[in-house]
mmCIF file of all heavy atoms, coordinates in Angstrom:
data_MODEL
# 
_entry.id   MODEL 
# 
loop_
_atom_site.group_PDB 
_atom_site.id 
_atom_site.type_symbol 
_atom_site.label_atom_id 
_atom_site.label_alt_id 
_atom_site.label_comp_id 
_atom_site.label_asym_id 
_atom_site.label_entity_id 
_atom_site.label_seq_id 
_atom_site.pdbx_PDB_ins_code 
_atom_site.Cartn_x 
_atom_site.Cartn_y 
_atom_site.Cartn_z 
_atom_site.occupancy 
_atom_site.B_iso_or_equiv 
_atom_site.pdbx_formal_charge 
_atom_site.auth_seq_id 
_atom_site.auth_comp_id 
_atom_site.auth_asym_id 
_atom_site.auth_atom_id 
_atom_site.pdbx_PDB_model_num 
ATOM 1   N N   . GLY A 1 1  ? 0.809  -1.243 0.007   1.00 0.00 ? 1  GLY A N   1 
ATOM 2   C CA  . GLY A 1 1  ? 0.008  0.009  0.004   1.00 0.00 ? 1  GLY A CA  1 
ATOM 3   C C   . GLY A 1 1  ? 0.826  1.281  -0.005  1.00 0.00 ? 1  GLY A C   1 
ATOM 4   O O   . GLY A 1 1  ? 0.256  2.350  0.190   1.00 0.00 ? 1  GLY A O   1 
ATOM 5   N N   . LYS A 1 2  ? 2.079  1.207  -0.178  1.00 0.00 ? 2  LYS A N   1 
ATOM 6   C CA  . LYS A 1 2  ? 2.964  2.382  -0.229  1.00 0.00 ? 2  LYS A CA  1 
ATOM 7   C C   . LYS A 1 2  ? 2.729  3.103  -1.574  1.00 0.00 ? 2  LYS A C   1 
ATOM 8   O O   . LYS A 1 2  ? 2.652  2.494  -2.615  1.00 0.00 ? 2  LYS A O   1 
ATOM 9   C CB  . LYS A 1 2  ? 4.406  2.120  -0.033  1.00 0.00 ? 2  LYS A CB  1 
ATOM 10  C CG  . LYS A 1 2  ? 4.729  1.416  1.266   1.00 0.00 ? 2  LYS A CG  1 
ATOM 11  C CD  . LYS A 1 2  ? 4.758  2.434  2.398   1.00 0.00 ? 2  LYS A CD  1 
ATOM 12  C CE  . LYS A 1 2  ? 5.242  1.723  3.641   1.00 0.00 ? 2  LYS A CE  1 
ATOM 13  N NZ  . LYS A 1 2  ? 5.134  2.537  4.752   1.00 0.00 ? 2  LYS A NZ  1 
ATOM 14  N N   . LYS A 1 3  ? 2.617  4.408  -1.506  1.00 0.00 ? 3  LYS A N   1 
ATOM 15  C CA  . LYS A 1 3  ? 2.528  5.181  -2.778  1.00 0.00 ? 3  LYS A CA  1 
ATOM 16  C C   . LYS A 1 3  ? 3.945  5.481  -3.212  1.00 0.00 ? 3  LYS A C   1 
ATOM 17  O O   . LYS A 1 3  ? 4.715  5.980  -2.430  1.00 0.00 ? 3  LYS A O   1 
ATOM 18  C CB  . LYS A 1 3  ? 1.745  6.466  -2.590  1.00 0.00 ? 3  LYS A CB  1 
ATOM 19  C CG  . LYS A 1 3  ? 0.270  6.221  -2.426  1.00 0.00 ? 3  LYS A CG  1 
ATOM 20  C CD  . LYS A 1 3  ? -0.518 7.500  -2.460  1.00 0.00 ? 3  LYS A CD  1 
ATOM 21  C CE  . LYS A 1 3  ? -1.999 7.193  -2.401  1.00 0.00 ? 3  LYS A CE  1 
ATOM 22  N NZ  . LYS A 1 3  ? -2.763 8.408  -2.589  1.00 0.00 ? 3  LYS A NZ  1 
ATOM 23  N N   . LEU A 1 4  ? 4.259  5.254  -4.522  1.00 0.00 ? 4  LEU A N   1 
ATOM 24  C CA  . LEU A 1 4  ? 5.565  5.491  -5.016  1.00 0.00 ? 4  LEU A CA  1 
ATOM 25  C C   . LEU A 1 4  ? 5.587  6.748  -5.867  1.00 0.00 ? 4  LEU A C   1 
ATOM 26  O O   . LEU A 1 4  ? 4.539  7.150  -6.366  1.00 0.00 ? 4  LEU A O   1 
ATOM 27  C CB  . LEU A 1 4  ? 6.027  4.304  -5.846  1.00 0.00 ? 4  LEU A CB  1 
ATOM 28  C CG  . LEU A 1 4  ? 6.000  2.967  -5.129  1.00 0.00 ? 4  LEU A CG  1 
ATOM 29  C CD1 . LEU A 1 4  ? 6.341  1.840  -6.074  1.00 0.00 ? 4  LEU A CD1 1 
ATOM 30  C CD2 . LEU A 1 4  ? 6.972  2.972  -3.919  1.00 0.00 ? 4  LEU A CD2 1 
ATOM 31  N N   . GLY A 1 5  ? 6.715  7.309  -6.073  1.00 0.00 ? 5  GLY A N   1 
ATOM 32  C CA  . GLY A 1 5  ? 6.877  8.519  -6.882  1.00 0.00 ? 5  GLY A CA  1 
ATOM 33  C C   . GLY A 1 5  ? 6.785  9.781  -6.104  1.00 0.00 ? 5  GLY A C   1 
ATOM 34  O O   . GLY A 1 5  ? 6.769  9.787  -4.843  1.00 0.00 ? 5  GLY A O   1 
ATOM 35  N N   . CYS A 1 6  ? 6.782  10.906 -6.849  1.00 0.00 ? 6  CYS A N   1 
ATOM 36  C CA  . CYS A 1 6  ? 6.686  12.224 -6.188  1.00 0.00 ? 6  CYS A CA  1 
ATOM 37  C C   . CYS A 1 6  ? 5.371  12.370 -5.467  1.00 0.00 ? 6  CYS A C   1 
ATOM 38  O O   . CYS A 1 6  ? 4.350  11.848 -5.962  1.00 0.00 ? 6  CYS A O   1 
ATOM 39  C CB  . CYS A 1 6  ? 6.864  13.328 -7.212  1.00 0.00 ? 6  CYS A CB  1 
ATOM 40  S SG  . CYS A 1 6  ? 8.477  13.346 -7.923  1.00 0.00 ? 6  CYS A SG  1 
ATOM 41  N N   . PRO A 1 7  ? 5.390  13.085 -4.319  1.00 0.00 ? 7  PRO A N   1 
ATOM 42  C CA  . PRO A 1 7  ? 4.074  13.357 -3.671  1.00 0.00 ? 7  PRO A CA  1 
ATOM 43  C C   . PRO A 1 7  ? 3.169  14.126 -4.589  1.00 0.00 ? 7  PRO A C   1 
ATOM 44  O O   . PRO A 1 7  ? 3.619  14.888 -5.442  1.00 0.00 ? 7  PRO A O   1 
ATOM 45  C CB  . PRO A 1 7  ? 4.495  14.248 -2.472  1.00 0.00 ? 7  PRO A CB  1 
ATOM 46  C CG  . PRO A 1 7  ? 5.961  14.161 -2.374  1.00 0.00 ? 7  PRO A CG  1 
ATOM 47  C CD  . PRO A 1 7  ? 6.502  13.753 -3.666  1.00 0.00 ? 7  PRO A CD  1 
ATOM 48  N N   . SER A 1 8  ? 1.916  13.837 -4.419  1.00 0.00 ? 8  SER A N   1 
ATOM 49  C CA  . SER A 1 8  ? 0.908  14.507 -5.251  1.00 0.00 ? 8  SER A CA  1 
ATOM 50  C C   . SER A 1 8  ? 0.863  15.993 -4.947  1.00 0.00 ? 8  SER A C   1 
ATOM 51  O O   . SER A 1 8  ? 1.024  16.423 -3.828  1.00 0.00 ? 8  SER A O   1 
ATOM 52  C CB  . SER A 1 8  ? -0.431 13.873 -4.937  1.00 0.00 ? 8  SER A CB  1 
ATOM 53  O OG  . SER A 1 8  ? -1.432 14.606 -5.621  1.00 0.00 ? 8  SER A OG  1 
ATOM 54  N N   . THR A 1 9  ? 0.630  16.769 -6.008  1.00 0.00 ? 9  THR A N   1 
ATOM 55  C CA  . THR A 1 9  ? 0.481  18.253 -5.781  1.00 0.00 ? 9  THR A CA  1 
ATOM 56  C C   . THR A 1 9  ? -0.948 18.571 -5.336  1.00 0.00 ? 9  THR A C   1 
ATOM 57  O O   . THR A 1 9  ? -1.240 19.681 -5.063  1.00 0.00 ? 9  THR A O   1 
ATOM 58  C CB  . THR A 1 9  ? 0.855  19.013 -7.026  1.00 0.00 ? 9  THR A CB  1 
ATOM 59  O OG1 . THR A 1 9  ? 0.027  18.546 -8.088  1.00 0.00 ? 9  THR A OG1 1 
ATOM 60  C CG2 . THR A 1 9  ? 2.346  18.867 -7.359  1.00 0.00 ? 9  THR A CG2 1 
ATOM 61  N N   . ALA A 1 10 ? -1.845 17.558 -5.393  1.00 0.00 ? 10 ALA A N   1 
ATOM 62  C CA  . ALA A 1 10 ? -3.210 17.827 -5.016  1.00 0.00 ? 10 ALA A CA  1 
ATOM 63  C C   . ALA A 1 10 ? -3.191 18.083 -3.500  1.00 0.00 ? 10 ALA A C   1 
ATOM 64  O O   . ALA A 1 10 ? -2.758 17.285 -2.707  1.00 0.00 ? 10 ALA A O   1 
ATOM 65  C CB  . ALA A 1 10 ? -4.069 16.597 -5.321  1.00 0.00 ? 10 ALA A CB  1 
ATOM 66  N N   . ASN A 1 11 ? -3.654 19.219 -3.080  1.00 0.00 ? 11 ASN A N   1 
ATOM 67  C CA  . ASN A 1 11 ? -3.751 19.555 -1.726  1.00 0.00 ? 11 ASN A CA  1 
ATOM 68  C C   . ASN A 1 11 ? -4.954 20.590 -1.569  1.00 0.00 ? 11 ASN A C   1 
ATOM 69  O O   . ASN A 1 11 ? -5.385 21.111 -2.568  1.00 0.00 ? 11 ASN A O   1 
ATOM 70  C CB  . ASN A 1 11 ? -2.431 20.114 -1.158  1.00 0.00 ? 11 ASN A CB  1 
ATOM 71  C CG  . ASN A 1 11 ? -1.997 21.400 -1.836  1.00 0.00 ? 11 ASN A CG  1 
ATOM 72  O OD1 . ASN A 1 11 ? -2.781 22.375 -1.844  1.00 0.00 ? 11 ASN A OD1 1 
ATOM 73  N ND2 . ASN A 1 11 ? -0.829 21.415 -2.359  1.00 0.00 ? 11 ASN A ND2 1 
ATOM 74  N N   . PRO A 1 12 ? -5.367 20.791 -0.357  1.00 0.00 ? 12 PRO A N   1 
ATOM 75  C CA  . PRO A 1 12 ? -6.538 21.678 -0.170  1.00 0.00 ? 12 PRO A CA  1 
ATOM 76  C C   . PRO A 1 12 ? -6.278 23.097 -0.711  1.00 0.00 ? 12 PRO A C   1 
ATOM 77  O O   . PRO A 1 12 ? -7.234 23.767 -1.087  1.00 0.00 ? 12 PRO A O   1 
ATOM 78  C CB  . PRO A 1 12 ? -6.713 21.706 1.322   1.00 0.00 ? 12 PRO A CB  1 
ATOM 79  C CG  . PRO A 1 12 ? -5.961 20.608 1.890   1.00 0.00 ? 12 PRO A CG  1 
ATOM 80  C CD  . PRO A 1 12 ? -4.912 20.280 0.917   1.00 0.00 ? 12 PRO A CD  1 
ATOM 81  N N   . GLN A 1 13 ? -5.039 23.500 -0.852  1.00 0.00 ? 13 GLN A N   1 
ATOM 82  C CA  . GLN A 1 13 ? -4.741 24.861 -1.320  1.00 0.00 ? 13 GLN A CA  1 
ATOM 83  C C   . GLN A 1 13 ? -4.601 24.932 -2.805  1.00 0.00 ? 13 GLN A C   1 
ATOM 84  O O   . GLN A 1 13 ? -4.433 26.027 -3.369  1.00 0.00 ? 13 GLN A O   1 
ATOM 85  C CB  . GLN A 1 13 ? -3.483 25.371 -0.652  1.00 0.00 ? 13 GLN A CB  1 
ATOM 86  C CG  . GLN A 1 13 ? -3.656 25.492 0.859   1.00 0.00 ? 13 GLN A CG  1 
ATOM 87  C CD  . GLN A 1 13 ? -2.330 25.872 1.467   1.00 0.00 ? 13 GLN A CD  1 
ATOM 88  O OE1 . GLN A 1 13 ? -1.304 25.246 1.187   1.00 0.00 ? 13 GLN A OE1 1 
ATOM 89  N NE2 . GLN A 1 13 ? -2.342 26.840 2.372   1.00 0.00 ? 13 GLN A NE2 1 
ATOM 90  N N   . ALA A 1 14 ? -4.694 23.820 -3.499  1.00 0.00 ? 14 ALA A N   1 
ATOM 91  C CA  . ALA A 1 14 ? -4.427 23.821 -4.942  1.00 0.00 ? 14 ALA A CA  1 
ATOM 92  C C   . ALA A 1 14 ? -5.373 24.754 -5.707  1.00 0.00 ? 14 ALA A C   1 
ATOM 93  O O   . ALA A 1 14 ? -4.960 25.556 -6.553  1.00 0.00 ? 14 ALA A O   1 
ATOM 94  C CB  . ALA A 1 14 ? -4.552 22.427 -5.575  1.00 0.00 ? 14 ALA A CB  1 
ATOM 95  N N   . SER A 1 15 ? -6.693 24.702 -5.426  1.00 0.00 ? 15 SER A N   1 
ATOM 96  C CA  . SER A 1 15 ? -7.606 25.611 -6.115  1.00 0.00 ? 15 SER A CA  1 
ATOM 97  C C   . SER A 1 15 ? -7.391 27.063 -5.700  1.00 0.00 ? 15 SER A C   1 
ATOM 98  O O   . SER A 1 15 ? -7.457 27.973 -6.558  1.00 0.00 ? 15 SER A O   1 
ATOM 99  C CB  . SER A 1 15 ? -9.036 25.169 -5.836  1.00 0.00 ? 15 SER A CB  1 
ATOM 100 O OG  . SER A 1 15 ? -9.332 25.205 -4.468  1.00 0.00 ? 15 SER A OG  1 
ATOM 101 N N   . ALA A 1 16 ? -6.979 27.265 -4.486  1.00 0.00 ? 16 ALA A N   1 
ATOM 102 C CA  . ALA A 1 16 ? -6.703 28.695 -4.091  1.00 0.00 ? 16 ALA A CA  1 
ATOM 103 C C   . ALA A 1 16 ? -5.460 29.198 -4.828  1.00 0.00 ? 16 ALA A C   1 
ATOM 104 O O   . ALA A 1 16 ? -5.445 30.361 -5.263  1.00 0.00 ? 16 ALA A O   1 
ATOM 105 C CB  . ALA A 1 16 ? -6.458 28.772 -2.562  1.00 0.00 ? 16 ALA A CB  1 
ATOM 106 N N   . VAL A 1 17 ? -4.416 28.390 -4.951  1.00 0.00 ? 17 VAL A N   1 
ATOM 107 C CA  . VAL A 1 17 ? -3.247 28.786 -5.651  1.00 0.00 ? 17 VAL A CA  1 
ATOM 108 C C   . VAL A 1 17 ? -3.517 29.138 -7.077  1.00 0.00 ? 17 VAL A C   1 
ATOM 109 O O   . VAL A 1 17 ? -3.107 30.158 -7.593  1.00 0.00 ? 17 VAL A O   1 
ATOM 110 C CB  . VAL A 1 17 ? -2.155 27.655 -5.574  1.00 0.00 ? 17 VAL A CB  1 
ATOM 111 C CG1 . VAL A 1 17 ? -1.041 27.930 -6.591  1.00 0.00 ? 17 VAL A CG1 1 
ATOM 112 C CG2 . VAL A 1 17 ? -1.563 27.528 -4.176  1.00 0.00 ? 17 VAL A CG2 1 
ATOM 113 N N   . THR A 1 18 ? -4.325 28.228 -7.743  1.00 0.00 ? 18 THR A N   1 
ATOM 114 C CA  . THR A 1 18 ? -4.693 28.483 -9.114  1.00 0.00 ? 18 THR A CA  1 
ATOM 115 C C   . THR A 1 18 ? -5.477 29.788 -9.278  1.00 0.00 ? 18 THR A C   1 
ATOM 116 O O   . THR A 1 18 ? -5.273 30.604 -10.155 1.00 0.00 ? 18 THR A O   1 
ATOM 117 C CB  . THR A 1 18 ? -5.504 27.309 -9.667  1.00 0.00 ? 18 THR A CB  1 
ATOM 118 O OG1 . THR A 1 18 ? -4.766 26.112 -9.459  1.00 0.00 ? 18 THR A OG1 1 
ATOM 119 C CG2 . THR A 1 18 ? -5.801 27.436 -11.155 1.00 0.00 ? 18 THR A CG2 1 
ATOM 120 N N   . ALA A 1 19 ? -6.404 30.026 -8.340  1.00 0.00 ? 19 ALA A N   1 
ATOM 121 C CA  . ALA A 1 19 ? -7.235 31.259 -8.381  1.00 0.00 ? 19 ALA A CA  1 
ATOM 122 C C   . ALA A 1 19 ? -6.393 32.487 -8.157  1.00 0.00 ? 19 ALA A C   1 
ATOM 123 O O   . ALA A 1 19 ? -6.526 33.497 -8.856  1.00 0.00 ? 19 ALA A O   1 
ATOM 124 C CB  . ALA A 1 19 ? -8.340 31.175 -7.309  1.00 0.00 ? 19 ALA A CB  1 
ATOM 125 N N   . MET A 1 20 ? -5.405 32.393 -7.215  1.00 0.00 ? 20 MET A N   1 
ATOM 126 C CA  . MET A 1 20 ? -4.543 33.545 -6.972  1.00 0.00 ? 20 MET A CA  1 
ATOM 127 C C   . MET A 1 20 ? -3.725 33.866 -8.235  1.00 0.00 ? 20 MET A C   1 
ATOM 128 O O   . MET A 1 20 ? -3.556 35.027 -8.539  1.00 0.00 ? 20 MET A O   1 
ATOM 129 C CB  . MET A 1 20 ? -3.590 33.237 -5.794  1.00 0.00 ? 20 MET A CB  1 
ATOM 130 C CG  . MET A 1 20 ? -4.284 33.225 -4.424  1.00 0.00 ? 20 MET A CG  1 
ATOM 131 S SD  . MET A 1 20 ? -2.998 32.905 -3.180  1.00 0.00 ? 20 MET A SD  1 
ATOM 132 C CE  . MET A 1 20 ? -3.919 32.023 -2.039  1.00 0.00 ? 20 MET A CE  1 
ATOM 133 N N   . TYR A 1 21 ? -3.190 32.837 -8.841  1.00 0.00 ? 21 TYR A N   1 
ATOM 134 C CA  . TYR A 1 21 ? -2.315 33.026 -10.015 1.00 0.00 ? 21 TYR A CA  1 
ATOM 135 C C   . TYR A 1 21 ? -3.128 33.583 -11.142 1.00 0.00 ? 21 TYR A C   1 
ATOM 136 O O   . TYR A 1 21 ? -2.704 34.565 -11.848 1.00 0.00 ? 21 TYR A O   1 
ATOM 137 C CB  . TYR A 1 21 ? -1.624 31.770 -10.414 1.00 0.00 ? 21 TYR A CB  1 
ATOM 138 C CG  . TYR A 1 21 ? -0.669 31.936 -11.549 1.00 0.00 ? 21 TYR A CG  1 
ATOM 139 C CD1 . TYR A 1 21 ? 0.588  32.586 -11.354 1.00 0.00 ? 21 TYR A CD1 1 
ATOM 140 C CD2 . TYR A 1 21 ? -0.974 31.543 -12.827 1.00 0.00 ? 21 TYR A CD2 1 
ATOM 141 C CE1 . TYR A 1 21 ? 1.417  32.797 -12.426 1.00 0.00 ? 21 TYR A CE1 1 
ATOM 142 C CE2 . TYR A 1 21 ? -0.139 31.761 -13.920 1.00 0.00 ? 21 TYR A CE2 1 
ATOM 143 C CZ  . TYR A 1 21 ? 1.132  32.388 -13.682 1.00 0.00 ? 21 TYR A CZ  1 
ATOM 144 O OH  . TYR A 1 21 ? 1.895  32.604 -14.725 1.00 0.00 ? 21 TYR A OH  1 
ATOM 145 N N   . THR A 1 22 ? -4.261 33.007 -11.456 1.00 0.00 ? 22 THR A N   1 
ATOM 146 C CA  . THR A 1 22 ? -5.064 33.504 -12.535 1.00 0.00 ? 22 THR A CA  1 
ATOM 147 C C   . THR A 1 22 ? -5.655 34.891 -12.288 1.00 0.00 ? 22 THR A C   1 
ATOM 148 O O   . THR A 1 22 ? -5.991 35.643 -13.235 1.00 0.00 ? 22 THR A O   1 
ATOM 149 C CB  . THR A 1 22 ? -6.213 32.515 -12.918 1.00 0.00 ? 22 THR A CB  1 
ATOM 150 O OG1 . THR A 1 22 ? -7.005 32.277 -11.732 1.00 0.00 ? 22 THR A OG1 1 
ATOM 151 C CG2 . THR A 1 22 ? -5.697 31.253 -13.523 1.00 0.00 ? 22 THR A CG2 1 
ATOM 152 N N   . GLY A 1 23 ? -5.730 35.228 -10.981 1.00 0.00 ? 23 GLY A N   1 
ATOM 153 C CA  . GLY A 1 23 ? -6.175 36.598 -10.563 1.00 0.00 ? 23 GLY A CA  1 
ATOM 154 C C   . GLY A 1 23 ? -5.037 37.610 -10.723 1.00 0.00 ? 23 GLY A C   1 
ATOM 155 O O   . GLY A 1 23 ? -5.224 38.831 -10.425 1.00 0.00 ? 23 GLY A O   1 
ATOM 156 N N   . GLY A 1 24 ? -3.830 37.166 -11.159 1.00 0.00 ? 24 GLY A N   1 
ATOM 157 C CA  . GLY A 1 24 ? -2.742 38.130 -11.443 1.00 0.00 ? 24 GLY A CA  1 
ATOM 158 C C   . GLY A 1 24 ? -1.684 38.204 -10.320 1.00 0.00 ? 24 GLY A C   1 
ATOM 159 O O   . GLY A 1 24 ? -0.754 38.955 -10.388 1.00 0.00 ? 24 GLY A O   1 
# 
């Protein structure tokens, strides 16, 4: 059950980060 590879970038702040960036 171990997850391999880089940690996922999915996190609770992902949508906030995207919104901040698209907002300029």
